[in-house]
Amino acid sequence: MDRQESLKEKRKYRRIIVSLKVTYKVTGDVGEAEIETVDISAGGLSVMMNKILKTGTLLEINMSVEASAVFSCAGKVVWQDMRPRRNGVGKFGYLTGLEFVGLELNERLRLIYYCHAKEKARKEHR
């Protein structure tokens, strides 16, 4: 079983490809950085980062998943892979998988609804 098959088996929630602006900072550090999502689910997200973070590193995440609402939560780095960049600064970046930590049920449901609505809209526009 390869890494992608393994990830698919571990995922509890449907993942959608979507670009959302994310502001994050490493918990306990000063200063924030802005990045964009590669994809998202109710369990986590993946982003392209400019730096290496250790597995288990906790982040404070803020992103807009709906037009007027900011979604704030904690995330934990679960994996990173160096990848060539398609656009942006530098030749390589670090595709990073983040797992949401300590989400309340209403927040997780909000993400499930968001992902479902985005996927439904995509299918309708095909």
N, C-alpha and C. Protein backbone atom coordinates (compact mmCIF):
# COMPACT_ATOMS: atom_id res chain seq x y z
N MET A 1 0.85 -1.19 0.00
CA MET A 1 0.00 0.00 0.00
C MET A 1 0.89 1.24 0.00
N ASP A 2 0.66 2.15 -0.96
CA ASP A 2 1.47 3.35 -1.02
C ASP A 2 0.92 4.42 -0.06
N ARG A 3 1.65 5.54 0.04
CA ARG A 3 1.30 6.59 1.01
C ARG A 3 -0.08 7.18 0.74
N GLN A 4 -0.43 7.40 -0.54
CA GLN A 4 -1.74 7.99 -0.84
C GLN A 4 -2.88 7.06 -0.48
N GLU A 5 -2.71 5.76 -0.75
CA GLU A 5 -3.76 4.80 -0.37
C GLU A 5 -3.92 4.78 1.14
N SER A 6 -2.81 4.86 1.85
CA SER A 6 -2.84 4.87 3.31
C SER A 6 -3.59 6.09 3.82
N LEU A 7 -3.32 7.27 3.23
CA LEU A 7 -4.00 8.49 3.65
C LEU A 7 -5.50 8.40 3.41
N LYS A 8 -5.90 7.87 2.26
CA LYS A 8 -7.32 7.76 1.96
C LYS A 8 -8.03 6.89 2.98
N GLU A 9 -7.38 5.82 3.42
CA GLU A 9 -8.00 4.94 4.40
C GLU A 9 -8.15 5.62 5.76
N LYS A 10 -7.23 6.50 6.11
CA LYS A 10 -7.26 7.16 7.41
C LYS A 10 -8.26 8.31 7.47
N ARG A 11 -8.64 8.87 6.33
CA ARG A 11 -9.52 10.05 6.31
C ARG A 11 -10.95 9.68 6.66
N LYS A 12 -11.49 10.43 7.60
CA LYS A 12 -12.88 10.23 8.02
C LYS A 12 -13.82 11.14 7.25
N TYR A 13 -13.28 12.23 6.71
CA TYR A 13 -14.11 13.27 6.10
C TYR A 13 -13.72 13.50 4.65
N ARG A 14 -14.70 13.85 3.85
CA ARG A 14 -14.46 14.14 2.44
C ARG A 14 -13.59 15.38 2.32
N ARG A 15 -12.61 15.29 1.44
CA ARG A 15 -11.65 16.37 1.23
C ARG A 15 -11.95 17.03 -0.12
N ILE A 16 -11.92 18.36 -0.13
CA ILE A 16 -12.15 19.08 -1.39
C ILE A 16 -10.94 19.97 -1.70
N ILE A 17 -10.70 20.13 -2.97
CA ILE A 17 -9.63 21.02 -3.40
C ILE A 17 -10.21 22.43 -3.44
N VAL A 18 -9.60 23.31 -2.66
CA VAL A 18 -10.07 24.69 -2.60
C VAL A 18 -8.93 25.57 -2.09
N SER A 19 -8.86 26.77 -2.61
CA SER A 19 -7.84 27.73 -2.20
C SER A 19 -8.47 28.76 -1.27
N LEU A 20 -8.10 28.71 0.00
CA LEU A 20 -8.57 29.66 1.01
C LEU A 20 -7.36 30.35 1.63
N LYS A 21 -7.49 31.64 1.91
CA LYS A 21 -6.41 32.34 2.60
C LYS A 21 -6.41 31.90 4.06
N VAL A 22 -5.21 31.60 4.56
CA VAL A 22 -5.02 31.14 5.93
C VAL A 22 -3.94 31.99 6.57
N THR A 23 -4.22 32.46 7.76
CA THR A 23 -3.19 33.10 8.57
C THR A 23 -2.87 32.13 9.70
N TYR A 24 -1.58 31.91 9.92
CA TYR A 24 -1.21 30.96 10.98
C TYR A 24 0.01 31.48 11.74
N LYS A 25 0.16 30.95 12.92
CA LYS A 25 1.41 31.14 13.66
C LYS A 25 1.64 29.89 14.48
N VAL A 26 2.91 29.59 14.69
CA VAL A 26 3.26 28.47 15.54
C VAL A 26 2.88 28.86 16.96
N THR A 27 2.16 27.97 17.65
CA THR A 27 1.70 28.25 19.01
C THR A 27 2.90 28.62 19.89
N GLY A 28 2.79 29.76 20.55
CA GLY A 28 3.85 30.23 21.43
C GLY A 28 4.85 31.16 20.75
N ASP A 29 4.84 31.23 19.43
CA ASP A 29 5.74 32.12 18.69
C ASP A 29 5.08 33.47 18.47
N VAL A 30 5.90 34.43 18.10
CA VAL A 30 5.40 35.75 17.75
C VAL A 30 5.42 35.86 16.23
N GLY A 31 4.45 36.53 15.67
CA GLY A 31 4.43 36.76 14.23
C GLY A 31 3.59 35.72 13.50
N GLU A 32 2.91 36.20 12.50
CA GLU A 32 2.03 35.35 11.70
C GLU A 32 2.52 35.29 10.27
N ALA A 33 2.06 34.29 9.55
CA ALA A 33 2.34 34.16 8.12
C ALA A 33 1.03 33.88 7.41
N GLU A 34 0.98 34.27 6.15
CA GLU A 34 -0.23 34.02 5.35
C GLU A 34 0.11 33.01 4.26
N ILE A 35 -0.75 32.01 4.11
CA ILE A 35 -0.59 30.97 3.10
C ILE A 35 -1.97 30.66 2.53
N GLU A 36 -2.05 29.73 1.59
CA GLU A 36 -3.33 29.31 1.04
C GLU A 36 -3.46 27.80 1.14
N THR A 37 -4.71 27.36 1.29
CA THR A 37 -4.95 25.92 1.35
C THR A 37 -4.78 25.31 -0.03
N VAL A 38 -4.44 24.02 -0.02
CA VAL A 38 -4.44 23.20 -1.23
C VAL A 38 -5.76 22.43 -1.25
N ASP A 39 -6.11 21.90 -0.08
CA ASP A 39 -7.39 21.24 0.09
C ASP A 39 -7.79 21.29 1.56
N ILE A 40 -9.06 20.91 1.83
CA ILE A 40 -9.59 21.00 3.19
C ILE A 40 -10.66 19.93 3.39
N SER A 41 -10.79 19.50 4.62
CA SER A 41 -11.88 18.62 5.04
C SER A 41 -12.27 19.02 6.46
N ALA A 42 -13.23 18.34 7.03
CA ALA A 42 -13.62 18.64 8.40
C ALA A 42 -12.59 18.10 9.39
N GLY A 43 -11.63 17.35 8.91
CA GLY A 43 -10.59 16.81 9.79
C GLY A 43 -9.27 17.54 9.71
N GLY A 44 -9.07 18.31 8.64
CA GLY A 44 -7.80 19.00 8.49
C GLY A 44 -7.67 19.65 7.13
N LEU A 45 -6.46 20.07 6.82
CA LEU A 45 -6.21 20.72 5.54
C LEU A 45 -4.77 20.50 5.13
N SER A 46 -4.49 20.78 3.87
CA SER A 46 -3.10 20.80 3.45
C SER A 46 -2.81 22.16 2.86
N VAL A 47 -1.58 22.60 3.07
CA VAL A 47 -1.12 23.92 2.64
C VAL A 47 0.31 23.79 2.11
N MET A 48 0.71 24.76 1.31
CA MET A 48 2.10 24.83 0.86
C MET A 48 2.80 25.87 1.73
N MET A 49 3.84 25.42 2.45
CA MET A 49 4.57 26.31 3.36
C MET A 49 5.96 26.59 2.83
N ASN A 50 6.56 27.65 3.36
CA ASN A 50 7.91 28.03 2.97
C ASN A 50 8.97 27.45 3.89
N LYS A 51 8.54 26.83 5.00
CA LYS A 51 9.54 26.34 5.95
C LYS A 51 9.17 24.97 6.47
N ILE A 52 10.17 24.30 6.99
CA ILE A 52 9.99 22.97 7.57
C ILE A 52 9.50 23.12 9.00
N LEU A 53 8.48 22.34 9.36
CA LEU A 53 7.99 22.27 10.73
C LEU A 53 8.04 20.81 11.18
N LYS A 54 8.36 20.60 12.43
CA LYS A 54 8.41 19.23 12.95
C LYS A 54 7.01 18.65 13.05
N THR A 55 6.91 17.36 12.80
CA THR A 55 5.64 16.66 13.01
C THR A 55 5.22 16.86 14.46
N GLY A 56 3.96 17.19 14.67
CA GLY A 56 3.45 17.45 16.02
C GLY A 56 3.43 18.91 16.40
N THR A 57 4.06 19.78 15.60
CA THR A 57 4.05 21.21 15.88
C THR A 57 2.61 21.72 15.87
N LEU A 58 2.24 22.50 16.88
CA LEU A 58 0.89 23.06 16.97
C LEU A 58 0.87 24.47 16.38
N LEU A 59 -0.20 24.74 15.62
CA LEU A 59 -0.38 26.04 14.98
C LEU A 59 -1.71 26.65 15.38
N GLU A 60 -1.76 27.97 15.42
CA GLU A 60 -3.01 28.70 15.57
C GLU A 60 -3.41 29.14 14.18
N ILE A 61 -4.61 28.74 13.74
CA ILE A 61 -5.05 28.94 12.36
C ILE A 61 -6.29 29.84 12.32
N ASN A 62 -6.29 30.78 11.39
CA ASN A 62 -7.46 31.62 11.09
C ASN A 62 -7.68 31.60 9.60
N MET A 63 -8.93 31.32 9.18
CA MET A 63 -9.24 31.33 7.75
C MET A 63 -10.71 31.67 7.56
N SER A 64 -11.02 32.16 6.37
CA SER A 64 -12.40 32.46 6.02
C SER A 64 -12.94 31.31 5.19
N VAL A 65 -13.88 30.56 5.75
CA VAL A 65 -14.48 29.47 5.00
C VAL A 65 -15.83 29.87 4.41
N GLU A 66 -16.34 30.99 4.86
CA GLU A 66 -17.57 31.55 4.33
C GLU A 66 -17.33 33.03 4.13
N ALA A 67 -18.16 33.66 3.34
CA ALA A 67 -17.92 35.06 2.94
C ALA A 67 -17.67 36.00 4.12
N SER A 68 -18.41 35.84 5.20
CA SER A 68 -18.31 36.83 6.27
C SER A 68 -17.78 36.28 7.59
N ALA A 69 -17.48 35.02 7.66
CA ALA A 69 -17.10 34.42 8.94
C ALA A 69 -15.66 33.93 8.94
N VAL A 70 -14.93 34.26 9.99
CA VAL A 70 -13.57 33.77 10.17
C VAL A 70 -13.63 32.51 11.04
N PHE A 71 -12.91 31.51 10.61
CA PHE A 71 -12.86 30.24 11.33
C PHE A 71 -11.51 30.17 12.02
N SER A 72 -11.51 30.03 13.35
CA SER A 72 -10.27 29.95 14.12
C SER A 72 -10.19 28.61 14.81
N CYS A 73 -9.01 27.99 14.76
CA CYS A 73 -8.84 26.69 15.39
C CYS A 73 -7.35 26.41 15.58
N ALA A 74 -7.07 25.27 16.19
CA ALA A 74 -5.70 24.80 16.33
C ALA A 74 -5.48 23.68 15.32
N GLY A 75 -4.27 23.58 14.85
CA GLY A 75 -3.90 22.51 13.92
C GLY A 75 -2.57 21.91 14.33
N LYS A 76 -2.40 20.65 13.98
CA LYS A 76 -1.16 19.94 14.30
C LYS A 76 -0.55 19.43 13.00
N VAL A 77 0.75 19.65 12.81
CA VAL A 77 1.45 19.16 11.64
C VAL A 77 1.53 17.63 11.73
N VAL A 78 1.00 16.94 10.69
CA VAL A 78 1.07 15.48 10.69
C VAL A 78 2.02 14.94 9.63
N TRP A 79 2.33 15.74 8.62
CA TRP A 79 3.32 15.35 7.62
C TRP A 79 3.75 16.56 6.80
N GLN A 80 4.92 16.43 6.17
CA GLN A 80 5.42 17.44 5.23
C GLN A 80 6.22 16.74 4.14
N ASP A 81 6.06 17.23 2.90
CA ASP A 81 6.83 16.74 1.76
C ASP A 81 7.33 17.93 0.98
N MET A 82 8.62 17.91 0.61
CA MET A 82 9.14 18.97 -0.24
C MET A 82 8.62 18.75 -1.65
N ARG A 83 8.08 19.82 -2.25
CA ARG A 83 7.49 19.73 -3.59
C ARG A 83 7.92 20.93 -4.42
N PRO A 84 8.03 20.74 -5.74
CA PRO A 84 8.29 21.91 -6.60
C PRO A 84 7.09 22.84 -6.57
N ARG A 85 7.34 24.12 -6.61
CA ARG A 85 6.27 25.12 -6.64
C ARG A 85 5.81 25.35 -8.06
N ARG A 86 4.52 25.52 -8.22
CA ARG A 86 3.98 25.84 -9.54
C ARG A 86 4.07 27.34 -9.78
N ASN A 87 3.78 28.14 -8.76
CA ASN A 87 3.94 29.59 -8.83
C ASN A 87 4.35 30.05 -7.44
N GLY A 88 4.72 31.28 -7.34
CA GLY A 88 5.09 31.82 -6.04
C GLY A 88 6.58 31.97 -5.88
N VAL A 89 6.98 32.24 -4.67
CA VAL A 89 8.37 32.52 -4.35
C VAL A 89 9.14 31.23 -4.14
N GLY A 90 10.31 31.15 -4.72
CA GLY A 90 11.17 30.00 -4.52
C GLY A 90 10.86 28.85 -5.46
N LYS A 91 11.80 27.94 -5.55
CA LYS A 91 11.67 26.80 -6.46
C LYS A 91 10.92 25.65 -5.79
N PHE A 92 11.08 25.50 -4.48
CA PHE A 92 10.44 24.41 -3.74
C PHE A 92 9.67 24.96 -2.54
N GLY A 93 8.68 24.20 -2.10
CA GLY A 93 7.93 24.50 -0.90
C GLY A 93 7.68 23.21 -0.16
N TYR A 94 6.97 23.27 0.93
CA TYR A 94 6.70 22.10 1.75
C TYR A 94 5.20 21.89 1.85
N LEU A 95 4.70 20.92 1.08
CA LEU A 95 3.30 20.56 1.19
C LEU A 95 3.11 19.96 2.58
N THR A 96 2.19 20.54 3.34
CA THR A 96 2.06 20.22 4.76
C THR A 96 0.64 19.80 5.09
N GLY A 97 0.51 18.65 5.74
CA GLY A 97 -0.79 18.17 6.19
C GLY A 97 -1.02 18.58 7.64
N LEU A 98 -2.14 19.25 7.88
CA LEU A 98 -2.48 19.70 9.23
C LEU A 98 -3.78 19.04 9.67
N GLU A 99 -3.79 18.54 10.88
CA GLU A 99 -4.99 17.95 11.46
C GLU A 99 -5.57 18.95 12.45
N PHE A 100 -6.88 19.20 12.34
CA PHE A 100 -7.52 20.09 13.30
C PHE A 100 -7.52 19.43 14.68
N VAL A 101 -7.25 20.24 15.70
CA VAL A 101 -7.16 19.75 17.07
C VAL A 101 -8.20 20.44 17.93
N GLY A 102 -8.96 19.67 18.69
CA GLY A 102 -9.89 20.22 19.67
C GLY A 102 -11.08 20.96 19.08
N LEU A 103 -11.52 20.57 17.89
CA LEU A 103 -12.68 21.24 17.30
C LEU A 103 -13.95 20.88 18.05
N GLU A 104 -14.76 21.88 18.32
CA GLU A 104 -16.08 21.64 18.88
C GLU A 104 -16.96 21.03 17.79
N LEU A 105 -17.99 20.31 18.19
CA LEU A 105 -18.87 19.65 17.23
C LEU A 105 -19.47 20.65 16.24
N ASN A 106 -19.92 21.81 16.73
CA ASN A 106 -20.53 22.79 15.82
C ASN A 106 -19.53 23.30 14.78
N GLU A 107 -18.25 23.42 15.15
CA GLU A 107 -17.23 23.85 14.19
C GLU A 107 -16.99 22.78 13.14
N ARG A 108 -16.91 21.51 13.58
CA ARG A 108 -16.70 20.41 12.64
C ARG A 108 -17.88 20.30 11.68
N LEU A 109 -19.10 20.45 12.22
CA LEU A 109 -20.29 20.40 11.37
C LEU A 109 -20.28 21.54 10.35
N ARG A 110 -19.82 22.70 10.77
CA ARG A 110 -19.72 23.84 9.85
C ARG A 110 -18.78 23.52 8.69
N LEU A 111 -17.66 22.85 8.99
CA LEU A 111 -16.73 22.46 7.94
C LEU A 111 -17.30 21.37 7.05
N ILE A 112 -18.02 20.42 7.63
CA ILE A 112 -18.67 19.38 6.83
C ILE A 112 -19.65 20.02 5.86
N TYR A 113 -20.45 20.94 6.36
CA TYR A 113 -21.43 21.64 5.52
C TYR A 113 -20.72 22.42 4.41
N TYR A 114 -19.68 23.14 4.76
CA TYR A 114 -18.93 23.93 3.78
C TYR A 114 -18.39 23.04 2.67
N CYS A 115 -17.74 21.94 3.04
CA CYS A 115 -17.16 21.03 2.04
C CYS A 115 -18.25 20.43 1.15
N HIS A 116 -19.35 20.03 1.77
CA HIS A 116 -20.46 19.46 1.00
C HIS A 116 -21.02 20.48 0.02
N ALA A 117 -21.24 21.71 0.47
CA ALA A 117 -21.80 22.76 -0.39
C ALA A 117 -20.86 23.08 -1.55
N LYS A 118 -19.55 23.14 -1.30
CA LYS A 118 -18.58 23.42 -2.35
C LYS A 118 -18.56 22.30 -3.38
N GLU A 119 -18.59 21.07 -2.90
CA GLU A 119 -18.56 19.93 -3.82
C GLU A 119 -19.84 19.88 -4.65
N LYS A 120 -20.96 20.15 -4.03
CA LYS A 120 -22.24 20.16 -4.75
C LYS A 120 -22.24 21.24 -5.83
N ALA A 121 -21.74 22.42 -5.50
CA ALA A 121 -21.68 23.52 -6.46
C ALA A 121 -20.78 23.15 -7.65
N ARG A 122 -19.66 22.48 -7.38
CA ARG A 122 -18.77 22.05 -8.46
C ARG A 122 -19.45 21.09 -9.40
N LYS A 123 -20.17 20.14 -8.82
CA LYS A 123 -20.86 19.13 -9.65
C LYS A 123 -21.93 19.77 -10.50
N GLU A 124 -22.62 20.77 -9.97
CA GLU A 124 -23.69 21.46 -10.71
C GLU A 124 -23.14 22.29 -11.86
N HIS A 125 -21.89 22.74 -11.75
CA HIS A 125 -21.29 23.59 -12.79
C HIS A 125 -20.55 22.78 -13.86
N ARG A 126 -20.57 21.49 -13.77
CA ARG A 126 -19.88 20.66 -14.76
C ARG A 126 -20.64 20.56 -16.02
